[in-house]
Amino acid sequence: MKIEKKVWPEYFQKILNGKKHYELRLADWDCEEGDVLILKEWNPETKEYSGRVLEKEVTYVGKTKNLSFWSKEEIEKHGFQIISFK
């Protein structure tokens, strides 16, 4: 399956440079090994896409509920997923 997601510029660049090989996302959508993430650079200040896009194959998906980046309600509802890609 191909899955499109927004990525903020600082993280997009790290992925592009080969320094970042994972994504931490709210687990409110399905993602499995073998899926392809289509990562689109998104500027949160201008609320626009830059036009830069990367495609990454998902190699691992781990889920947990033991982190506190999102509200307690969102965590209780969805949990987390950490996505590794190559």
PDB file of N, CA and C in Angstrom:
ATOM      1  N   MET A   1       0.839  -1.171   0.000  1.00  0.00           N
ATOM      2  CA  MET A   1       0.000   0.000   0.000  1.00  0.00           C
ATOM      3  C   MET A   1       0.892   1.246   0.000  1.00  0.00           C
ATOM      4  N   LYS A   2       0.492   2.285  -0.681  1.00  0.00           N
ATOM      5  CA  LYS A   2       1.191   3.572  -0.667  1.00  0.00           C
ATOM      6  C   LYS A   2       0.436   4.506   0.263  1.00  0.00           C
ATOM      7  N   ILE A   3       1.186   5.160   1.146  1.00  0.00           N
ATOM      8  CA  ILE A   3       0.603   6.027   2.166  1.00  0.00           C
ATOM      9  C   ILE A   3       1.293   7.381   2.098  1.00  0.00           C
ATOM     10  N   GLU A   4       0.524   8.449   1.909  1.00  0.00           N
ATOM     11  CA  GLU A   4       1.083   9.801   1.845  1.00  0.00           C
ATOM     12  C   GLU A   4       1.026  10.461   3.218  1.00  0.00           C
ATOM     13  N   LYS A   5       2.144  11.087   3.623  1.00  0.00           N
ATOM     14  CA  LYS A   5       2.214  11.795   4.892  1.00  0.00           C
ATOM     15  C   LYS A   5       3.014  13.082   4.735  1.00  0.00           C
ATOM     16  N   LYS A   6       2.634  14.088   5.504  1.00  0.00           N
ATOM     17  CA  LYS A   6       3.365  15.346   5.551  1.00  0.00           C
ATOM     18  C   LYS A   6       4.590  15.175   6.444  1.00  0.00           C
ATOM     19  N   VAL A   7       5.674  15.860   6.102  1.00  0.00           N
ATOM     20  CA  VAL A   7       6.877  15.884   6.930  1.00  0.00           C
ATOM     21  C   VAL A   7       7.392  17.323   6.981  1.00  0.00           C
ATOM     22  N   TRP A   8       7.647  17.814   8.174  1.00  0.00           N
ATOM     23  CA  TRP A   8       8.170  19.162   8.326  1.00  0.00           C
ATOM     24  C   TRP A   8       9.579  19.247   7.726  1.00  0.00           C
ATOM     25  N   PRO A   9       9.972  20.432   7.229  1.00  0.00           N
ATOM     26  CA  PRO A   9      11.240  20.597   6.519  1.00  0.00           C
ATOM     27  C   PRO A   9      12.476  20.063   7.241  1.00  0.00           C
ATOM     28  N   GLU A  10      12.610  20.324   8.543  1.00  0.00           N
ATOM     29  CA  GLU A  10      13.816  19.882   9.260  1.00  0.00           C
ATOM     30  C   GLU A  10      13.945  18.360   9.267  1.00  0.00           C
ATOM     31  N   TYR A  11      12.826  17.645   9.354  1.00  0.00           N
ATOM     32  CA  TYR A  11      12.855  16.188   9.357  1.00  0.00           C
ATOM     33  C   TYR A  11      12.990  15.638   7.940  1.00  0.00           C
ATOM     34  N   PHE A  12      12.343  16.295   6.986  1.00  0.00           N
ATOM     35  CA  PHE A  12      12.459  15.887   5.588  1.00  0.00           C
ATOM     36  C   PHE A  12      13.924  15.909   5.158  1.00  0.00           C
ATOM     37  N   GLN A  13      14.624  16.985   5.510  1.00  0.00           N
ATOM     38  CA  GLN A  13      16.028  17.123   5.113  1.00  0.00           C
ATOM     39  C   GLN A  13      16.885  16.032   5.739  1.00  0.00           C
ATOM     40  N   LYS A  14      16.619  15.683   6.997  1.00  0.00           N
ATOM     41  CA  LYS A  14      17.383  14.620   7.653  1.00  0.00           C
ATOM     42  C   LYS A  14      17.145  13.273   6.992  1.00  0.00           C
ATOM     43  N   ILE A  15      15.928  13.031   6.555  1.00  0.00           N
ATOM     44  CA  ILE A  15      15.620  11.796   5.830  1.00  0.00           C
ATOM     45  C   ILE A  15      16.346  11.818   4.482  1.00  0.00           C
ATOM     46  N   LEU A  16      16.265  12.943   3.786  1.00  0.00           N
ATOM     47  CA  LEU A  16      16.924  13.097   2.492  1.00  0.00           C
ATOM     48  C   LEU A  16      18.432  12.884   2.607  1.00  0.00           C
ATOM     49  N   ASN A  17      19.044  13.397   3.680  1.00  0.00           N
ATOM     50  CA  ASN A  17      20.481  13.273   3.901  1.00  0.00           C
ATOM     51  C   ASN A  17      20.896  11.875   4.365  1.00  0.00           C
ATOM     52  N   GLY A  18      19.909  11.018   4.670  1.00  0.00           N
ATOM     53  CA  GLY A  18      20.224   9.665   5.119  1.00  0.00           C
ATOM     54  C   GLY A  18      20.517   9.547   6.596  1.00  0.00           C
ATOM     55  N   LYS A  19      20.247  10.605   7.369  1.00  0.00           N
ATOM     56  CA  LYS A  19      20.500  10.570   8.813  1.00  0.00           C
ATOM     57  C   LYS A  19      19.317  10.007   9.598  1.00  0.00           C
ATOM     58  N   LYS A  20      18.128  10.133   9.070  1.00  0.00           N
ATOM     59  CA  LYS A  20      16.918   9.717   9.779  1.00  0.00           C
ATOM     60  C   LYS A  20      16.248   8.602   8.983  1.00  0.00           C
ATOM     61  N   HIS A  21      16.030   7.462   9.655  1.00  0.00           N
ATOM     62  CA  HIS A  21      15.488   6.281   8.985  1.00  0.00           C
ATOM     63  C   HIS A  21      14.215   5.779   9.648  1.00  0.00           C
ATOM     64  N   TYR A  22      13.497   6.660  10.325  1.00  0.00           N
ATOM     65  CA  TYR A  22      12.283   6.244  11.027  1.00  0.00           C
ATOM     66  C   TYR A  22      11.317   7.421  11.121  1.00  0.00           C
ATOM     67  N   GLU A  23      10.085   7.119  11.475  1.00  0.00           N
ATOM     68  CA  GLU A  23       9.087   8.140  11.755  1.00  0.00           C
ATOM     69  C   GLU A  23       8.356   7.742  13.029  1.00  0.00           C
ATOM     70  N   LEU A  24       8.093   8.693  13.894  1.00  0.00           N
ATOM     71  CA  LEU A  24       7.240   8.502  15.053  1.00  0.00           C
ATOM     72  C   LEU A  24       5.926   9.191  14.732  1.00  0.00           C
ATOM     73  N   ARG A  25       4.861   8.414  14.679  1.00  0.00           N
ATOM     74  CA  ARG A  25       3.555   8.951  14.293  1.00  0.00           C
ATOM     75  C   ARG A  25       2.472   8.445  15.222  1.00  0.00           C
ATOM     76  N   LEU A  26       1.429   9.240  15.377  1.00  0.00           N
ATOM     77  CA  LEU A  26       0.242   8.782  16.065  1.00  0.00           C
ATOM     78  C   LEU A  26      -0.311   7.608  15.271  1.00  0.00           C
ATOM     79  N   ALA A  27      -0.657   6.530  15.953  1.00  0.00           N
ATOM     80  CA  ALA A  27      -1.099   5.300  15.270  1.00  0.00           C
ATOM     81  C   ALA A  27      -2.589   5.353  14.946  1.00  0.00           C
ATOM     82  N   ASP A  28      -3.011   6.421  14.285  1.00  0.00           N
ATOM     83  CA  ASP A  28      -4.424   6.576  13.909  1.00  0.00           C
ATOM     84  C   ASP A  28      -4.665   6.175  12.457  1.00  0.00           C
ATOM     85  N   TRP A  29      -3.715   5.406  11.892  1.00  0.00           N
ATOM     86  CA  TRP A  29      -3.836   4.894  10.524  1.00  0.00           C
ATOM     87  C   TRP A  29      -3.031   3.604  10.453  1.00  0.00           C
ATOM     88  N   ASP A  30      -3.366   2.747   9.515  1.00  0.00           N
ATOM     89  CA  ASP A  30      -2.703   1.456   9.369  1.00  0.00           C
ATOM     90  C   ASP A  30      -1.435   1.578   8.541  1.00  0.00           C
ATOM     91  N   CYS A  31      -0.391   0.894   8.979  1.00  0.00           N
ATOM     92  CA  CYS A  31       0.876   0.866   8.283  1.00  0.00           C
ATOM     93  C   CYS A  31       1.518  -0.484   8.573  1.00  0.00           C
ATOM     94  N   GLU A  32       2.015  -1.146   7.529  1.00  0.00           N
ATOM     95  CA  GLU A  32       2.607  -2.465   7.689  1.00  0.00           C
ATOM     96  C   GLU A  32       3.928  -2.549   6.937  1.00  0.00           C
ATOM     97  N   GLU A  33       4.740  -3.531   7.333  1.00  0.00           N
ATOM     98  CA  GLU A  33       5.983  -3.782   6.617  1.00  0.00           C
ATOM     99  C   GLU A  33       5.674  -4.017   5.144  1.00  0.00           C
ATOM    100  N   GLY A  34       6.490  -3.429   4.273  1.00  0.00           N
ATOM    101  CA  GLY A  34       6.288  -3.555   2.834  1.00  0.00           C
ATOM    102  C   GLY A  34       5.510  -2.401   2.227  1.00  0.00           C
ATOM    103  N   ASP A  35       4.779  -1.636   3.052  1.00  0.00           N
ATOM    104  CA  ASP A  35       4.081  -0.461   2.540  1.00  0.00           C
ATOM    105  C   ASP A  35       5.112   0.573   2.088  1.00  0.00           C
ATOM    106  N   VAL A  36       4.686   1.545   1.300  1.00  0.00           N
ATOM    107  CA  VAL A  36       5.562   2.620   0.845  1.00  0.00           C
ATOM    108  C   VAL A  36       5.023   3.937   1.399  1.00  0.00           C
ATOM    109  N   LEU A  37       5.894   4.636   2.140  1.00  0.00           N
ATOM    110  CA  LEU A  37       5.537   5.969   2.627  1.00  0.00           C
ATOM    111  C   LEU A  37       5.939   6.982   1.568  1.00  0.00           C
ATOM    112  N   ILE A  38       4.986   7.793   1.167  1.00  0.00           N
ATOM    113  CA  ILE A  38       5.255   8.913   0.271  1.00  0.00           C
ATOM    114  C   ILE A  38       5.301  10.135   1.183  1.00  0.00           C
ATOM    115  N   LEU A  39       6.507  10.610   1.441  1.00  0.00           N
ATOM    116  CA  LEU A  39       6.740  11.698   2.385  1.00  0.00           C
ATOM    117  C   LEU A  39       6.832  13.013   1.629  1.00  0.00           C
ATOM    118  N   LYS A  40       5.889  13.910   1.928  1.00  0.00           N
ATOM    119  CA  LYS A  40       5.809  15.191   1.231  1.00  0.00           C
ATOM    120  C   LYS A  40       6.210  16.302   2.194  1.00  0.00           C
ATOM    121  N   GLU A  41       7.214  17.075   1.800  1.00  0.00           N
ATOM    122  CA  GLU A  41       7.678  18.158   2.663  1.00  0.00           C
ATOM    123  C   GLU A  41       6.578  19.207   2.822  1.00  0.00           C
ATOM    124  N   TRP A  42       6.256  19.532   4.077  1.00  0.00           N
ATOM    125  CA  TRP A  42       5.165  20.446   4.426  1.00  0.00           C
ATOM    126  C   TRP A  42       5.708  21.528   5.344  1.00  0.00           C
ATOM    127  N   ASN A  43       5.447  22.778   5.007  1.00  0.00           N
ATOM    128  CA  ASN A  43       5.866  23.891   5.852  1.00  0.00           C
ATOM    129  C   ASN A  43       4.706  24.259   6.773  1.00  0.00           C
ATOM    130  N   PRO A  44       4.840  24.032   8.086  1.00  0.00           N
ATOM    131  CA  PRO A  44       3.735  24.311   9.006  1.00  0.00           C
ATOM    132  C   PRO A  44       3.437  25.809   9.167  1.00  0.00           C
ATOM    133  N   GLU A  45       4.418  26.658   8.838  1.00  0.00           N
ATOM    134  CA  GLU A  45       4.190  28.103   8.950  1.00  0.00           C
ATOM    135  C   GLU A  45       3.356  28.635   7.793  1.00  0.00           C
ATOM    136  N   THR A  46       3.676  28.196   6.573  1.00  0.00           N
ATOM    137  CA  THR A  46       2.936  28.679   5.400  1.00  0.00           C
ATOM    138  C   THR A  46       1.748  27.782   5.071  1.00  0.00           C
ATOM    139  N   LYS A  47       1.733  26.582   5.688  1.00  0.00           N
ATOM    140  CA  LYS A  47       0.695  25.587   5.433  1.00  0.00           C
ATOM    141  C   LYS A  47       0.639  25.196   3.953  1.00  0.00           C
ATOM    142  N   GLU A  48       1.846  25.006   3.388  1.00  0.00           N
ATOM    143  CA  GLU A  48       1.966  24.628   1.983  1.00  0.00           C
ATOM    144  C   GLU A  48       3.031  23.546   1.808  1.00  0.00           C
ATOM    145  N   TYR A  49       2.855  22.748   0.767  1.00  0.00           N
ATOM    146  CA  TYR A  49       3.865  21.766   0.384  1.00  0.00           C
ATOM    147  C   TYR A  49       4.969  22.471  -0.392  1.00  0.00           C
ATOM    148  N   SER A  50       6.203  21.986  -0.233  1.00  0.00           N
ATOM    149  CA  SER A  50       7.337  22.581  -0.949  1.00  0.00           C
ATOM    150  C   SER A  50       7.462  22.020  -2.364  1.00  0.00           C
ATOM    151  N   GLY A  51       6.899  20.834  -2.586  1.00  0.00           N
ATOM    152  CA  GLY A  51       7.048  20.151  -3.864  1.00  0.00           C
ATOM    153  C   GLY A  51       8.051  19.013  -3.791  1.00  0.00           C
ATOM    154  N   ARG A  52       8.835  18.956  -2.692  1.00  0.00           N
ATOM    155  CA  ARG A  52       9.792  17.860  -2.539  1.00  0.00           C
ATOM    156  C   ARG A  52       9.083  16.634  -1.963  1.00  0.00           C
ATOM    157  N   VAL A  53       9.396  15.469  -2.532  1.00  0.00           N
ATOM    158  CA  VAL A  53       8.733  14.218  -2.154  1.00  0.00           C
ATOM    159  C   VAL A  53       9.771  13.098  -2.108  1.00  0.00           C
ATOM    160  N   LEU A  54       9.644  12.250  -1.102  1.00  0.00           N
ATOM    161  CA  LEU A  54      10.473  11.050  -0.986  1.00  0.00           C
ATOM    162  C   LEU A  54       9.570   9.830  -0.868  1.00  0.00           C
ATOM    163  N   GLU A  55      10.011   8.704  -1.405  1.00  0.00           N
ATOM    164  CA  GLU A  55       9.305   7.437  -1.212  1.00  0.00           C
ATOM    165  C   GLU A  55      10.219   6.504  -0.442  1.00  0.00           C
ATOM    166  N   LYS A  56       9.691   5.927   0.652  1.00  0.00           N
ATOM    167  CA  LYS A  56      10.467   5.037   1.506  1.00  0.00           C
ATOM    168  C   LYS A  56       9.670   3.774   1.794  1.00  0.00           C
ATOM    169  N   GLU A  57      10.349   2.625   1.682  1.00  0.00           N
ATOM    170  CA  GLU A  57       9.709   1.347   1.990  1.00  0.00           C
ATOM    171  C   GLU A  57       9.712   1.132   3.497  1.00  0.00           C
ATOM    172  N   VAL A  58       8.583   0.739   4.051  1.00  0.00           N
ATOM    173  CA  VAL A  58       8.467   0.461   5.476  1.00  0.00           C
ATOM    174  C   VAL A  58       9.095  -0.906   5.751  1.00  0.00           C
ATOM    175  N   THR A  59      10.046  -0.938   6.683  1.00  0.00           N
ATOM    176  CA  THR A  59      10.719  -2.192   7.021  1.00  0.00           C
ATOM    177  C   THR A  59      10.320  -2.718   8.396  1.00  0.00           C
ATOM    178  N   TYR A  60       9.747  -1.862   9.241  1.00  0.00           N
ATOM    179  CA  TYR A  60       9.353  -2.284  10.589  1.00  0.00           C
ATOM    180  C   TYR A  60       8.329  -1.297  11.123  1.00  0.00           C
ATOM    181  N   VAL A  61       7.322  -1.797  11.838  1.00  0.00           N
ATOM    182  CA  VAL A  61       6.350  -0.952  12.521  1.00  0.00           C
ATOM    183  C   VAL A  61       6.235  -1.466  13.956  1.00  0.00           C
ATOM    184  N   GLY A  62       6.559  -0.627  14.929  1.00  0.00           N
ATOM    185  CA  GLY A  62       6.397  -0.971  16.343  1.00  0.00           C
ATOM    186  C   GLY A  62       5.375  -0.017  16.939  1.00  0.00           C
ATOM    187  N   LYS A  63       4.529  -0.527  17.812  1.00  0.00           N
ATOM    188  CA  LYS A  63       3.491   0.321  18.413  1.00  0.00           C
ATOM    189  C   LYS A  63       3.609   0.286  19.929  1.00  0.00           C
ATOM    190  N   THR A  64       3.300   1.430  20.567  1.00  0.00           N
ATOM    191  CA  THR A  64       3.343   1.548  22.017  1.00  0.00           C
ATOM    192  C   THR A  64       2.358   2.620  22.461  1.00  0.00           C
ATOM    193  N   LYS A  65       2.089   2.654  23.755  1.00  0.00           N
ATOM    194  CA  LYS A  65       1.255   3.714  24.325  1.00  0.00           C
ATOM    195  C   LYS A  65       1.980   4.410  25.473  1.00  0.00           C
ATOM    196  N   ASN A  66       3.300   4.257  25.557  1.00  0.00           N
ATOM    197  CA  ASN A  66       4.053   4.748  26.706  1.00  0.00           C
ATOM    198  C   ASN A  66       4.827   6.041  26.459  1.00  0.00           C
ATOM    199  N   LEU A  67       4.366   6.914  25.590  1.00  0.00           N
ATOM    200  CA  LEU A  67       5.009   8.198  25.336  1.00  0.00           C
ATOM    201  C   LEU A  67       3.992   9.318  25.522  1.00  0.00           C
ATOM    202  N   SER A  68       4.475  10.572  25.666  1.00  0.00           N
ATOM    203  CA  SER A  68       3.536  11.654  25.987  1.00  0.00           C
ATOM    204  C   SER A  68       3.650  12.872  25.069  1.00  0.00           C
ATOM    205  N   PHE A  69       3.806  12.673  23.763  1.00  0.00           N
ATOM    206  CA  PHE A  69       3.860  13.791  22.830  1.00  0.00           C
ATOM    207  C   PHE A  69       2.471  14.310  22.464  1.00  0.00           C
ATOM    208  N   TRP A  70       1.471  13.450  22.514  1.00  0.00           N
ATOM    209  CA  TRP A  70       0.109  13.817  22.157  1.00  0.00           C
ATOM    210  C   TRP A  70      -0.770  13.789  23.383  1.00  0.00           C
ATOM    211  N   SER A  71      -1.987  14.267  23.260  1.00  0.00           N
ATOM    212  CA  SER A  71      -2.888  14.299  24.411  1.00  0.00           C
ATOM    213  C   SER A  71      -3.195  12.885  24.895  1.00  0.00           C
ATOM    214  N   LYS A  72      -3.548  12.784  26.164  1.00  0.00           N
ATOM    215  CA  LYS A  72      -3.878  11.486  26.762  1.00  0.00           C
ATOM    216  C   LYS A  72      -5.017  10.822  26.002  1.00  0.00           C
ATOM    217  N   GLU A  73      -5.985  11.611  25.567  1.00  0.00           N
ATOM    218  CA  GLU A  73      -7.133  11.070  24.832  1.00  0.00           C
ATOM    219  C   GLU A  73      -6.698  10.451  23.498  1.00  0.00           C
ATOM    220  N   GLU A  74      -5.823  11.154  22.760  1.00  0.00           N
ATOM    221  CA  GLU A  74      -5.339  10.624  21.483  1.00  0.00           C
ATOM    222  C   GLU A  74      -4.511   9.361  21.693  1.00  0.00           C
ATOM    223  N   ILE A  75      -3.673   9.361  22.727  1.00  0.00           N
ATOM    224  CA  ILE A  75      -2.852   8.191  23.017  1.00  0.00           C
ATOM    225  C   ILE A  75      -3.727   7.011  23.390  1.00  0.00           C
ATOM    226  N   GLU A  76      -4.714   7.240  24.246  1.00  0.00           N
ATOM    227  CA  GLU A  76      -5.609   6.153  24.649  1.00  0.00           C
ATOM    228  C   GLU A  76      -6.377   5.590  23.457  1.00  0.00           C
ATOM    229  N   LYS A  77      -6.752   6.459  22.539  1.00  0.00           N
ATOM    230  CA  LYS A  77      -7.530   6.020  21.381  1.00  0.00           C
ATOM    231  C   LYS A  77      -6.679   5.285  20.349  1.00  0.00           C
ATOM    232  N   HIS A  78      -5.476   5.809  20.064  1.00  0.00           N
ATOM    233  CA  HIS A  78      -4.698   5.296  18.940  1.00  0.00           C
ATOM    234  C   HIS A  78      -3.386   4.605  19.308  1.00  0.00           C
ATOM    235  N   GLY A  79      -2.753   5.000  20.399  1.00  0.00           N
ATOM    236  CA  GLY A  79      -1.405   4.510  20.688  1.00  0.00           C
ATOM    237  C   GLY A  79      -0.409   5.175  19.757  1.00  0.00           C
ATOM    238  N   PHE A  80       0.778   4.591  19.628  1.00  0.00           N
ATOM    239  CA  PHE A  80       1.838   5.137  18.788  1.00  0.00           C
ATOM    240  C   PHE A  80       2.324   4.112  17.801  1.00  0.00           C
ATOM    241  N   GLN A  81       3.017   4.572  16.786  1.00  0.00           N
ATOM    242  CA  GLN A  81       3.756   3.669  15.914  1.00  0.00           C
ATOM    243  C   GLN A  81       5.088   4.328  15.557  1.00  0.00           C
ATOM    244  N   ILE A  82       6.119   3.525  15.581  1.00  0.00           N
ATOM    245  CA  ILE A  82       7.444   3.959  15.147  1.00  0.00           C
ATOM    246  C   ILE A  82       7.711   3.211  13.852  1.00  0.00           C
ATOM    247  N   ILE A  83       8.022   3.938  12.809  1.00  0.00           N
ATOM    248  CA  ILE A  83       8.136   3.363  11.477  1.00  0.00           C
ATOM    249  C   ILE A  83       9.595   3.456  11.021  1.00  0.00           C
ATOM    250  N   SER A  84      10.166   2.343  10.705  1.00  0.00           N
ATOM    251  CA  SER A  84      11.525   2.301  10.180  1.00  0.00           C
ATOM    252  C   SER A  84      11.459   2.078   8.683  1.00  0.00           C
ATOM    253  N   PHE A  85      12.335   2.735   7.928  1.00  0.00           N
ATOM    254  CA  PHE A  85      12.293   2.565   6.469  1.00  0.00           C
ATOM    255  C   PHE A  85      13.681   2.552   5.878  1.00  0.00           C
ATOM    256  N   LYS A  86      13.765   2.092   4.619  1.00  0.00           N
ATOM    257  CA  LYS A  86      15.048   2.082   3.927  1.00  0.00           C
ATOM    258  C   LYS A  86      14.901   2.770   2.594  1.00  0.00           C
TER     259      LYS A  86
END
